[in-house]
N, C-alpha and C. Protein backbone atom coordinates (compact mmCIF):
# COMPACT_ATOMS: atom_id res chain seq x y z
N MET A 1 -97.63 -219.80 -103.44
CA MET A 1 -97.80 -218.38 -103.72
C MET A 1 -99.00 -217.85 -102.95
N CYS A 2 -98.91 -216.64 -102.52
CA CYS A 2 -99.92 -216.00 -101.69
C CYS A 2 -101.24 -215.82 -102.43
N LEU A 3 -101.19 -215.46 -103.70
CA LEU A 3 -102.40 -215.16 -104.44
C LEU A 3 -102.89 -216.38 -105.23
N SER A 4 -102.98 -217.52 -104.56
CA SER A 4 -103.50 -218.71 -105.22
C SER A 4 -105.00 -218.59 -105.44
N ALA A 5 -105.66 -217.77 -104.66
CA ALA A 5 -107.08 -217.46 -104.84
C ALA A 5 -107.17 -216.02 -105.35
N PRO A 6 -108.34 -215.64 -105.87
CA PRO A 6 -108.49 -214.25 -106.32
C PRO A 6 -108.21 -213.28 -105.18
N PRO A 7 -107.67 -212.10 -105.49
CA PRO A 7 -107.37 -211.13 -104.43
C PRO A 7 -108.65 -210.58 -103.82
N ASP A 8 -108.53 -209.99 -102.66
CA ASP A 8 -109.69 -209.43 -101.96
C ASP A 8 -110.09 -208.06 -102.47
N PHE A 9 -109.32 -207.48 -103.37
CA PHE A 9 -109.74 -206.19 -103.93
C PHE A 9 -110.55 -206.43 -105.20
N ASP A 10 -111.35 -205.43 -105.56
CA ASP A 10 -112.34 -205.59 -106.62
C ASP A 10 -111.93 -204.99 -107.96
N GLY A 11 -110.85 -204.28 -108.01
CA GLY A 11 -110.39 -203.69 -109.25
C GLY A 11 -109.15 -202.85 -109.01
N THR A 12 -108.43 -202.57 -110.08
CA THR A 12 -107.18 -201.82 -109.98
C THR A 12 -107.14 -200.75 -111.05
N VAL A 13 -106.67 -199.57 -110.66
CA VAL A 13 -106.34 -198.51 -111.61
C VAL A 13 -104.87 -198.20 -111.41
N ALA A 14 -104.12 -198.25 -112.49
CA ALA A 14 -102.70 -197.89 -112.46
C ALA A 14 -102.48 -196.82 -113.53
N ALA A 15 -101.83 -195.74 -113.13
CA ALA A 15 -101.56 -194.66 -114.08
C ALA A 15 -100.50 -195.06 -115.09
N PHE A 16 -99.53 -195.87 -114.66
CA PHE A 16 -98.40 -196.22 -115.51
C PHE A 16 -97.98 -197.67 -115.28
N ARG A 17 -97.20 -198.17 -116.23
CA ARG A 17 -96.46 -199.40 -116.04
C ARG A 17 -95.18 -199.02 -115.30
N TYR A 18 -94.72 -199.88 -114.39
CA TYR A 18 -93.51 -199.59 -113.62
C TYR A 18 -92.28 -199.80 -114.50
N ALA A 19 -91.85 -198.73 -115.14
CA ALA A 19 -90.69 -198.73 -116.04
C ALA A 19 -90.16 -197.30 -116.09
N GLU A 20 -88.97 -197.14 -116.66
CA GLU A 20 -88.39 -195.81 -116.81
C GLU A 20 -89.28 -194.96 -117.72
N PRO A 21 -89.43 -193.68 -117.47
CA PRO A 21 -88.83 -192.88 -116.41
C PRO A 21 -89.66 -192.86 -115.12
N VAL A 22 -90.83 -193.49 -115.14
CA VAL A 22 -91.71 -193.47 -113.97
C VAL A 22 -91.05 -194.12 -112.76
N SER A 23 -90.40 -195.26 -112.95
CA SER A 23 -89.75 -195.94 -111.83
C SER A 23 -88.67 -195.05 -111.21
N TRP A 24 -87.95 -194.33 -112.06
CA TRP A 24 -86.92 -193.40 -111.58
C TRP A 24 -87.56 -192.29 -110.73
N MET A 25 -88.67 -191.74 -111.22
CA MET A 25 -89.35 -190.68 -110.48
C MET A 25 -89.87 -191.18 -109.13
N ILE A 26 -90.45 -192.37 -109.12
CA ILE A 26 -90.96 -192.93 -107.87
C ILE A 26 -89.83 -193.13 -106.87
N GLN A 27 -88.72 -193.67 -107.32
CA GLN A 27 -87.57 -193.89 -106.42
C GLN A 27 -87.08 -192.56 -105.83
N ARG A 28 -86.97 -191.53 -106.65
CA ARG A 28 -86.51 -190.21 -106.16
C ARG A 28 -87.52 -189.61 -105.17
N PHE A 29 -88.79 -189.77 -105.49
CA PHE A 29 -89.83 -189.28 -104.60
C PHE A 29 -89.78 -190.00 -103.26
N LYS A 30 -89.73 -191.30 -103.31
CA LYS A 30 -89.84 -192.13 -102.12
C LYS A 30 -88.59 -192.09 -101.23
N PHE A 31 -87.42 -192.14 -101.84
CA PHE A 31 -86.19 -192.27 -101.06
C PHE A 31 -85.33 -191.02 -101.00
N ASN A 32 -85.62 -190.02 -101.83
CA ASN A 32 -84.86 -188.77 -101.81
C ASN A 32 -85.74 -187.56 -101.52
N GLN A 33 -86.98 -187.81 -101.11
CA GLN A 33 -87.94 -186.77 -100.73
C GLN A 33 -88.12 -185.70 -101.81
N LYS A 34 -88.16 -186.12 -103.04
CA LYS A 34 -88.46 -185.20 -104.16
C LYS A 34 -89.98 -185.10 -104.26
N LEU A 35 -90.57 -184.30 -103.37
CA LEU A 35 -92.02 -184.23 -103.25
C LEU A 35 -92.68 -183.69 -104.51
N SER A 36 -91.97 -182.89 -105.30
CA SER A 36 -92.55 -182.38 -106.55
C SER A 36 -92.83 -183.54 -107.51
N TYR A 37 -92.01 -184.58 -107.49
CA TYR A 37 -92.27 -185.76 -108.32
C TYR A 37 -93.55 -186.45 -107.85
N GLY A 38 -93.74 -186.48 -106.55
CA GLY A 38 -94.94 -187.09 -106.00
C GLY A 38 -96.19 -186.39 -106.48
N ARG A 39 -96.14 -185.08 -106.56
CA ARG A 39 -97.29 -184.31 -107.05
C ARG A 39 -97.62 -184.68 -108.49
N VAL A 40 -96.61 -184.72 -109.34
CA VAL A 40 -96.83 -185.07 -110.75
C VAL A 40 -97.41 -186.48 -110.87
N LEU A 41 -96.86 -187.41 -110.12
CA LEU A 41 -97.33 -188.80 -110.17
C LEU A 41 -98.76 -188.91 -109.65
N ALA A 42 -99.06 -188.20 -108.58
CA ALA A 42 -100.41 -188.24 -108.00
C ALA A 42 -101.44 -187.62 -108.96
N GLU A 43 -101.07 -186.55 -109.61
CA GLU A 43 -101.99 -185.93 -110.58
C GLU A 43 -102.26 -186.87 -111.75
N ALA A 44 -101.23 -187.62 -112.16
CA ALA A 44 -101.42 -188.60 -113.22
C ALA A 44 -102.36 -189.73 -112.77
N LEU A 45 -102.23 -190.14 -111.52
CA LEU A 45 -103.12 -191.18 -110.99
C LEU A 45 -104.56 -190.67 -110.95
N ALA A 46 -104.77 -189.45 -110.49
CA ALA A 46 -106.13 -188.88 -110.46
C ALA A 46 -106.71 -188.83 -111.87
N ALA A 47 -105.90 -188.45 -112.85
CA ALA A 47 -106.37 -188.40 -114.24
C ALA A 47 -106.73 -189.81 -114.74
N ALA A 48 -105.96 -190.82 -114.36
CA ALA A 48 -106.25 -192.20 -114.76
C ALA A 48 -107.58 -192.66 -114.17
N VAL A 49 -107.83 -192.28 -112.92
CA VAL A 49 -109.10 -192.65 -112.28
C VAL A 49 -110.26 -191.96 -113.00
N ARG A 50 -110.09 -190.68 -113.32
CA ARG A 50 -111.14 -189.94 -114.02
C ARG A 50 -111.48 -190.58 -115.37
N ARG A 51 -110.48 -191.15 -116.03
CA ARG A 51 -110.71 -191.77 -117.34
C ARG A 51 -111.50 -193.07 -117.24
N ARG A 52 -111.53 -193.67 -116.06
CA ARG A 52 -112.26 -194.93 -115.88
C ARG A 52 -113.75 -194.63 -115.77
N ARG A 53 -114.47 -194.92 -116.78
CA ARG A 53 -115.91 -194.64 -116.78
C ARG A 53 -116.72 -195.82 -116.24
N ASP A 54 -116.07 -196.96 -116.07
CA ASP A 54 -116.78 -198.16 -115.63
C ASP A 54 -116.78 -198.35 -114.12
N ALA A 55 -116.16 -197.44 -113.40
CA ALA A 55 -116.04 -197.61 -111.96
C ALA A 55 -116.67 -196.43 -111.22
N ASP A 56 -117.49 -196.75 -110.24
CA ASP A 56 -118.02 -195.70 -109.37
C ASP A 56 -116.91 -195.24 -108.45
N LEU A 57 -116.93 -193.96 -108.12
CA LEU A 57 -115.94 -193.46 -107.17
C LEU A 57 -116.26 -194.00 -105.78
N PRO A 58 -115.23 -194.24 -105.00
CA PRO A 58 -115.44 -194.76 -103.64
C PRO A 58 -115.93 -193.64 -102.72
N GLN A 59 -116.28 -194.04 -101.52
CA GLN A 59 -116.71 -193.07 -100.50
C GLN A 59 -115.52 -192.42 -99.81
N ALA A 60 -114.35 -193.06 -99.85
CA ALA A 60 -113.15 -192.52 -99.20
C ALA A 60 -111.91 -193.16 -99.80
N ILE A 61 -110.80 -192.48 -99.61
CA ILE A 61 -109.49 -192.96 -100.07
C ILE A 61 -108.66 -193.30 -98.85
N ILE A 62 -108.06 -194.49 -98.86
CA ILE A 62 -107.23 -194.96 -97.75
C ILE A 62 -105.81 -195.21 -98.26
N PRO A 63 -104.84 -194.42 -97.82
CA PRO A 63 -103.44 -194.69 -98.22
C PRO A 63 -102.89 -195.90 -97.47
N VAL A 64 -102.01 -196.64 -98.12
CA VAL A 64 -101.35 -197.75 -97.44
C VAL A 64 -100.50 -197.16 -96.32
N PRO A 65 -100.76 -197.54 -95.08
CA PRO A 65 -99.99 -196.95 -93.98
C PRO A 65 -98.59 -197.56 -93.86
N LEU A 66 -97.67 -196.76 -93.37
CA LEU A 66 -96.34 -197.24 -93.01
C LEU A 66 -96.32 -197.49 -91.51
N HIS A 67 -95.49 -198.41 -91.07
CA HIS A 67 -95.27 -198.58 -89.65
C HIS A 67 -94.59 -197.32 -89.13
N GLY A 68 -94.86 -196.93 -87.91
CA GLY A 68 -94.31 -195.70 -87.34
C GLY A 68 -92.80 -195.61 -87.44
N ARG A 69 -92.12 -196.71 -87.22
CA ARG A 69 -90.66 -196.72 -87.30
C ARG A 69 -90.17 -196.37 -88.70
N ARG A 70 -90.79 -196.96 -89.72
CA ARG A 70 -90.38 -196.69 -91.09
C ARG A 70 -90.74 -195.26 -91.49
N GLN A 71 -91.89 -194.79 -91.05
CA GLN A 71 -92.29 -193.42 -91.40
C GLN A 71 -91.34 -192.41 -90.77
N ARG A 72 -90.93 -192.65 -89.54
CA ARG A 72 -89.97 -191.74 -88.89
C ARG A 72 -88.63 -191.75 -89.63
N ALA A 73 -88.19 -192.92 -90.05
CA ALA A 73 -86.92 -193.03 -90.77
C ALA A 73 -86.99 -192.34 -92.13
N ARG A 74 -88.10 -192.52 -92.85
CA ARG A 74 -88.24 -191.94 -94.18
C ARG A 74 -88.61 -190.46 -94.12
N GLY A 75 -89.32 -190.08 -93.06
CA GLY A 75 -89.73 -188.69 -92.91
C GLY A 75 -91.13 -188.40 -93.43
N PHE A 76 -91.72 -189.32 -94.16
CA PHE A 76 -93.08 -189.15 -94.68
C PHE A 76 -93.57 -190.49 -95.22
N ASN A 77 -94.87 -190.56 -95.46
CA ASN A 77 -95.48 -191.75 -96.07
C ASN A 77 -95.82 -191.39 -97.50
N GLN A 78 -95.14 -192.00 -98.46
CA GLN A 78 -95.34 -191.67 -99.87
C GLN A 78 -96.78 -191.94 -100.31
N SER A 79 -97.41 -192.98 -99.79
CA SER A 79 -98.79 -193.29 -100.16
C SER A 79 -99.74 -192.21 -99.67
N LEU A 80 -99.51 -191.72 -98.47
CA LEU A 80 -100.33 -190.64 -97.93
C LEU A 80 -100.17 -189.36 -98.75
N GLU A 81 -98.94 -189.05 -99.14
CA GLU A 81 -98.71 -187.85 -99.96
C GLU A 81 -99.44 -187.95 -101.29
N ILE A 82 -99.39 -189.11 -101.92
CA ILE A 82 -100.10 -189.33 -103.18
C ILE A 82 -101.60 -189.23 -102.95
N ALA A 83 -102.08 -189.90 -101.90
CA ALA A 83 -103.52 -189.93 -101.61
C ALA A 83 -104.08 -188.54 -101.32
N ARG A 84 -103.32 -187.70 -100.65
CA ARG A 84 -103.79 -186.33 -100.37
C ARG A 84 -104.13 -185.60 -101.66
N ILE A 85 -103.23 -185.70 -102.62
CA ILE A 85 -103.43 -184.99 -103.89
C ILE A 85 -104.58 -185.62 -104.68
N VAL A 86 -104.63 -186.93 -104.73
CA VAL A 86 -105.71 -187.63 -105.45
C VAL A 86 -107.05 -187.27 -104.82
N ALA A 87 -107.14 -187.29 -103.51
CA ALA A 87 -108.40 -186.95 -102.82
C ALA A 87 -108.84 -185.53 -103.16
N THR A 88 -107.90 -184.61 -103.18
CA THR A 88 -108.23 -183.22 -103.53
C THR A 88 -108.68 -183.12 -104.98
N GLU A 89 -107.94 -183.76 -105.88
CA GLU A 89 -108.26 -183.72 -107.31
C GLU A 89 -109.65 -184.31 -107.60
N LEU A 90 -110.02 -185.36 -106.88
CA LEU A 90 -111.29 -186.05 -107.13
C LEU A 90 -112.39 -185.65 -106.16
N ASP A 91 -112.09 -184.73 -105.25
CA ASP A 91 -113.04 -184.24 -104.26
C ASP A 91 -113.64 -185.40 -103.45
N LEU A 92 -112.73 -186.21 -102.89
CA LEU A 92 -113.12 -187.35 -102.06
C LEU A 92 -112.50 -187.22 -100.68
N PRO A 93 -113.14 -187.78 -99.66
CA PRO A 93 -112.54 -187.76 -98.32
C PRO A 93 -111.28 -188.61 -98.26
N LEU A 94 -110.29 -188.10 -97.55
CA LEU A 94 -109.05 -188.83 -97.29
C LEU A 94 -109.15 -189.44 -95.90
N ALA A 95 -109.00 -190.75 -95.82
CA ALA A 95 -109.09 -191.46 -94.54
C ALA A 95 -107.69 -191.93 -94.15
N GLY A 96 -106.81 -190.99 -93.89
CA GLY A 96 -105.43 -191.31 -93.59
C GLY A 96 -105.21 -192.00 -92.27
N ASP A 97 -106.21 -191.96 -91.40
CA ASP A 97 -106.08 -192.59 -90.08
C ASP A 97 -107.01 -193.78 -89.91
N ALA A 98 -107.63 -194.25 -90.98
CA ALA A 98 -108.60 -195.35 -90.88
C ALA A 98 -107.94 -196.68 -90.58
N VAL A 99 -106.70 -196.85 -91.03
CA VAL A 99 -105.99 -198.12 -90.88
C VAL A 99 -104.59 -197.85 -90.34
N ALA A 100 -104.11 -198.73 -89.50
CA ALA A 100 -102.74 -198.62 -88.98
C ALA A 100 -101.94 -199.83 -89.42
N ARG A 101 -100.65 -199.61 -89.58
CA ARG A 101 -99.74 -200.74 -89.83
C ARG A 101 -99.22 -201.14 -88.46
N VAL A 102 -99.64 -202.29 -88.00
CA VAL A 102 -99.34 -202.71 -86.63
C VAL A 102 -98.15 -203.65 -86.56
N LYS A 103 -97.66 -204.06 -87.71
CA LYS A 103 -96.52 -204.98 -87.76
C LYS A 103 -95.39 -204.30 -88.54
N ALA A 104 -94.22 -204.25 -87.94
CA ALA A 104 -93.05 -203.68 -88.61
C ALA A 104 -92.50 -204.74 -89.56
N THR A 105 -92.82 -204.59 -90.83
CA THR A 105 -92.43 -205.59 -91.82
C THR A 105 -91.10 -205.23 -92.47
N GLU A 106 -90.49 -206.23 -93.09
CA GLU A 106 -89.32 -205.98 -93.93
C GLU A 106 -89.79 -205.17 -95.14
N GLU A 107 -88.89 -204.47 -95.80
CA GLU A 107 -89.26 -203.78 -97.03
C GLU A 107 -89.62 -204.81 -98.08
N GLN A 108 -90.82 -204.71 -98.63
CA GLN A 108 -91.30 -205.69 -99.60
C GLN A 108 -90.39 -205.78 -100.82
N SER A 109 -89.83 -204.65 -101.24
CA SER A 109 -89.00 -204.64 -102.45
C SER A 109 -87.74 -205.49 -102.31
N LEU A 110 -87.37 -205.83 -101.08
CA LEU A 110 -86.17 -206.64 -100.86
C LEU A 110 -86.45 -208.14 -100.84
N LEU A 111 -87.73 -208.52 -100.98
CA LEU A 111 -88.12 -209.92 -100.81
C LEU A 111 -88.66 -210.53 -102.10
N ASP A 112 -88.58 -211.85 -102.21
CA ASP A 112 -89.20 -212.52 -103.35
C ASP A 112 -90.70 -212.65 -103.08
N ALA A 113 -91.44 -213.13 -104.07
CA ALA A 113 -92.90 -213.15 -104.00
C ALA A 113 -93.42 -213.95 -102.81
N ASP A 114 -92.87 -215.13 -102.56
CA ASP A 114 -93.35 -215.95 -101.43
C ASP A 114 -93.06 -215.28 -100.09
N ALA A 115 -91.88 -214.71 -99.96
CA ALA A 115 -91.52 -214.03 -98.72
C ALA A 115 -92.38 -212.79 -98.50
N ARG A 116 -92.75 -212.10 -99.57
CA ARG A 116 -93.61 -210.92 -99.45
C ARG A 116 -94.94 -211.29 -98.83
N CYS A 117 -95.47 -212.41 -99.24
CA CYS A 117 -96.76 -212.87 -98.73
C CYS A 117 -96.69 -213.10 -97.22
N GLN A 118 -95.68 -213.81 -96.77
CA GLN A 118 -95.51 -214.08 -95.35
C GLN A 118 -95.22 -212.80 -94.56
N ASN A 119 -94.42 -211.94 -95.14
CA ASN A 119 -93.99 -210.71 -94.50
C ASN A 119 -95.16 -209.79 -94.15
N ILE A 120 -96.13 -209.69 -95.04
CA ILE A 120 -97.20 -208.70 -94.89
C ILE A 120 -98.41 -209.22 -94.11
N ARG A 121 -98.47 -210.54 -93.92
CA ARG A 121 -99.63 -211.14 -93.25
C ARG A 121 -99.82 -210.56 -91.85
N GLY A 122 -101.02 -210.07 -91.57
CA GLY A 122 -101.36 -209.52 -90.26
C GLY A 122 -100.77 -208.16 -89.98
N ALA A 123 -100.35 -207.45 -91.02
CA ALA A 123 -99.65 -206.17 -90.83
C ALA A 123 -100.57 -205.00 -90.54
N PHE A 124 -101.88 -205.12 -90.84
CA PHE A 124 -102.78 -203.97 -90.74
C PHE A 124 -103.90 -204.19 -89.73
N ALA A 125 -104.38 -203.09 -89.16
CA ALA A 125 -105.54 -203.12 -88.27
C ALA A 125 -106.41 -201.90 -88.59
N VAL A 126 -107.71 -202.12 -88.65
CA VAL A 126 -108.65 -201.04 -88.92
C VAL A 126 -108.91 -200.28 -87.64
N ARG A 127 -108.80 -198.97 -87.71
CA ARG A 127 -109.13 -198.10 -86.57
C ARG A 127 -110.58 -197.64 -86.62
N ARG A 128 -111.01 -197.26 -87.83
CA ARG A 128 -112.40 -196.83 -88.03
C ARG A 128 -112.74 -197.06 -89.49
N LEU A 129 -113.99 -197.44 -89.73
CA LEU A 129 -114.38 -197.74 -91.10
C LEU A 129 -115.88 -197.46 -91.29
N PRO A 130 -116.27 -196.20 -91.42
CA PRO A 130 -117.68 -195.88 -91.64
C PRO A 130 -118.11 -195.99 -93.10
N TRP A 131 -117.20 -196.43 -94.00
CA TRP A 131 -117.51 -196.50 -95.42
C TRP A 131 -117.63 -197.95 -95.86
N ARG A 132 -118.38 -198.16 -96.92
CA ARG A 132 -118.54 -199.50 -97.50
C ARG A 132 -117.79 -199.64 -98.83
N ARG A 133 -117.45 -198.50 -99.46
CA ARG A 133 -116.72 -198.51 -100.73
C ARG A 133 -115.51 -197.60 -100.58
N VAL A 134 -114.31 -198.17 -100.71
CA VAL A 134 -113.08 -197.39 -100.55
C VAL A 134 -112.10 -197.70 -101.67
N ALA A 135 -111.12 -196.83 -101.80
CA ALA A 135 -109.98 -197.08 -102.69
C ALA A 135 -108.71 -197.02 -101.86
N ILE A 136 -107.89 -198.03 -101.99
CA ILE A 136 -106.56 -198.04 -101.38
C ILE A 136 -105.63 -197.34 -102.36
N VAL A 137 -104.78 -196.44 -101.86
CA VAL A 137 -103.82 -195.75 -102.72
C VAL A 137 -102.41 -196.14 -102.30
N ASP A 138 -101.58 -196.49 -103.30
CA ASP A 138 -100.17 -196.82 -103.06
C ASP A 138 -99.35 -196.33 -104.24
N ASP A 139 -98.04 -196.35 -104.07
CA ASP A 139 -97.17 -195.88 -105.15
C ASP A 139 -96.97 -196.95 -106.21
N VAL A 140 -96.59 -198.16 -105.81
CA VAL A 140 -96.28 -199.23 -106.76
C VAL A 140 -96.96 -200.52 -106.33
N MET A 141 -97.48 -201.24 -107.31
CA MET A 141 -98.02 -202.59 -107.06
C MET A 141 -97.16 -203.57 -107.86
N THR A 142 -96.51 -204.47 -107.14
CA THR A 142 -95.72 -205.49 -107.83
C THR A 142 -96.47 -206.82 -107.73
N THR A 143 -96.34 -207.52 -106.63
CA THR A 143 -97.04 -208.81 -106.48
C THR A 143 -98.50 -208.62 -106.07
N GLY A 144 -98.84 -207.48 -105.50
CA GLY A 144 -100.19 -207.25 -105.00
C GLY A 144 -100.41 -207.73 -103.59
N ASN A 145 -99.35 -208.23 -102.95
CA ASN A 145 -99.50 -208.77 -101.59
C ASN A 145 -99.87 -207.70 -100.57
N THR A 146 -99.25 -206.54 -100.65
CA THR A 146 -99.53 -205.49 -99.66
C THR A 146 -100.97 -205.01 -99.78
N VAL A 147 -101.39 -204.61 -100.99
CA VAL A 147 -102.76 -204.12 -101.16
C VAL A 147 -103.76 -205.25 -100.96
N GLY A 148 -103.38 -206.47 -101.28
CA GLY A 148 -104.27 -207.61 -101.04
C GLY A 148 -104.52 -207.84 -99.56
N GLU A 149 -103.46 -207.76 -98.78
CA GLU A 149 -103.61 -207.93 -97.33
C GLU A 149 -104.43 -206.80 -96.72
N LEU A 150 -104.20 -205.57 -97.19
CA LEU A 150 -104.97 -204.44 -96.69
C LEU A 150 -106.44 -204.57 -97.10
N ALA A 151 -106.71 -204.97 -98.34
CA ALA A 151 -108.09 -205.17 -98.78
C ALA A 151 -108.78 -206.25 -97.94
N LYS A 152 -108.08 -207.33 -97.67
CA LYS A 152 -108.64 -208.41 -96.85
C LYS A 152 -109.00 -207.88 -95.46
N THR A 153 -108.11 -207.08 -94.88
CA THR A 153 -108.36 -206.50 -93.57
C THR A 153 -109.59 -205.59 -93.60
N LEU A 154 -109.70 -204.77 -94.65
CA LEU A 154 -110.85 -203.87 -94.78
C LEU A 154 -112.15 -204.65 -94.97
N LYS A 155 -112.11 -205.70 -95.75
CA LYS A 155 -113.33 -206.48 -95.97
C LYS A 155 -113.75 -207.23 -94.70
N HIS A 156 -112.79 -207.72 -93.95
CA HIS A 156 -113.14 -208.37 -92.68
C HIS A 156 -113.76 -207.39 -91.70
N ALA A 157 -113.46 -206.10 -91.87
CA ALA A 157 -114.02 -205.06 -90.99
C ALA A 157 -115.36 -204.54 -91.52
N GLY A 158 -115.83 -205.09 -92.65
CA GLY A 158 -117.15 -204.72 -93.14
C GLY A 158 -117.19 -203.95 -94.44
N CYS A 159 -116.08 -203.65 -95.02
CA CYS A 159 -116.05 -202.95 -96.30
C CYS A 159 -116.56 -203.90 -97.39
N GLU A 160 -117.38 -203.39 -98.30
CA GLU A 160 -117.97 -204.24 -99.33
C GLU A 160 -117.22 -204.19 -100.66
N HIS A 161 -116.63 -203.05 -100.99
CA HIS A 161 -115.98 -202.89 -102.29
C HIS A 161 -114.66 -202.13 -102.09
N VAL A 162 -113.57 -202.74 -102.52
CA VAL A 162 -112.24 -202.14 -102.34
C VAL A 162 -111.56 -202.08 -103.70
N GLN A 163 -111.28 -200.87 -104.14
CA GLN A 163 -110.48 -200.66 -105.34
C GLN A 163 -109.04 -200.42 -104.92
N VAL A 164 -108.12 -200.64 -105.84
CA VAL A 164 -106.72 -200.34 -105.61
C VAL A 164 -106.29 -199.35 -106.69
N TRP A 165 -105.78 -198.20 -106.25
CA TRP A 165 -105.28 -197.17 -107.16
C TRP A 165 -103.79 -197.01 -106.91
N VAL A 166 -102.99 -197.22 -107.94
CA VAL A 166 -101.53 -197.11 -107.81
C VAL A 166 -100.97 -196.24 -108.92
N VAL A 167 -99.88 -195.60 -108.62
CA VAL A 167 -99.18 -194.81 -109.63
C VAL A 167 -98.67 -195.74 -110.72
N ALA A 168 -98.05 -196.85 -110.32
CA ALA A 168 -97.45 -197.75 -111.31
C ALA A 168 -97.65 -199.20 -110.89
N ARG A 169 -97.76 -200.03 -111.92
CA ARG A 169 -97.93 -201.46 -111.69
C ARG A 169 -96.86 -202.22 -112.46
N ALA A 170 -96.20 -203.11 -111.76
CA ALA A 170 -95.16 -203.92 -112.40
C ALA A 170 -95.81 -204.99 -113.27
N ASN A 171 -95.20 -205.28 -114.38
CA ASN A 171 -95.67 -206.39 -115.22
C ASN A 171 -95.24 -207.68 -114.56
N ARG A 172 -96.15 -208.63 -114.44
CA ARG A 172 -95.83 -209.92 -113.81
C ARG A 172 -96.18 -211.02 -114.74
């Protein structure tokens, strides 16, 4: 298993458990371009972060990037759309261009846990990183492999503290 050691991120905030009706809303947002659902989900994530009194806010928000091919096919990056709203709600800088997805990976949702780990390895590259404390924003966290790989990449580039903020987290 990929996460045999502790993950490279320092904490997680999830607005919801990945179950109905949230999972239904995420699917419609992500695959049917129901952007109004994305707004509702992003506002819920911002509210969940605000409720966390034990965590300092990061210096910037970094959405999980999509590979260019996947973004062109989908028409948008759901993580970026969520992150835009969260950044506005929390008055934080959005670093949508700080990291690139340099490897065209298989869709993680189609793979088992071990394959997800191999699939995502080496997928990200840092373009610029003037911050030491950041939050990665994504729609769903299942195994944690994607955000774990991105956190590892950010820490290797000099980031000291990486939080993960997701709309929903699957029970594992």
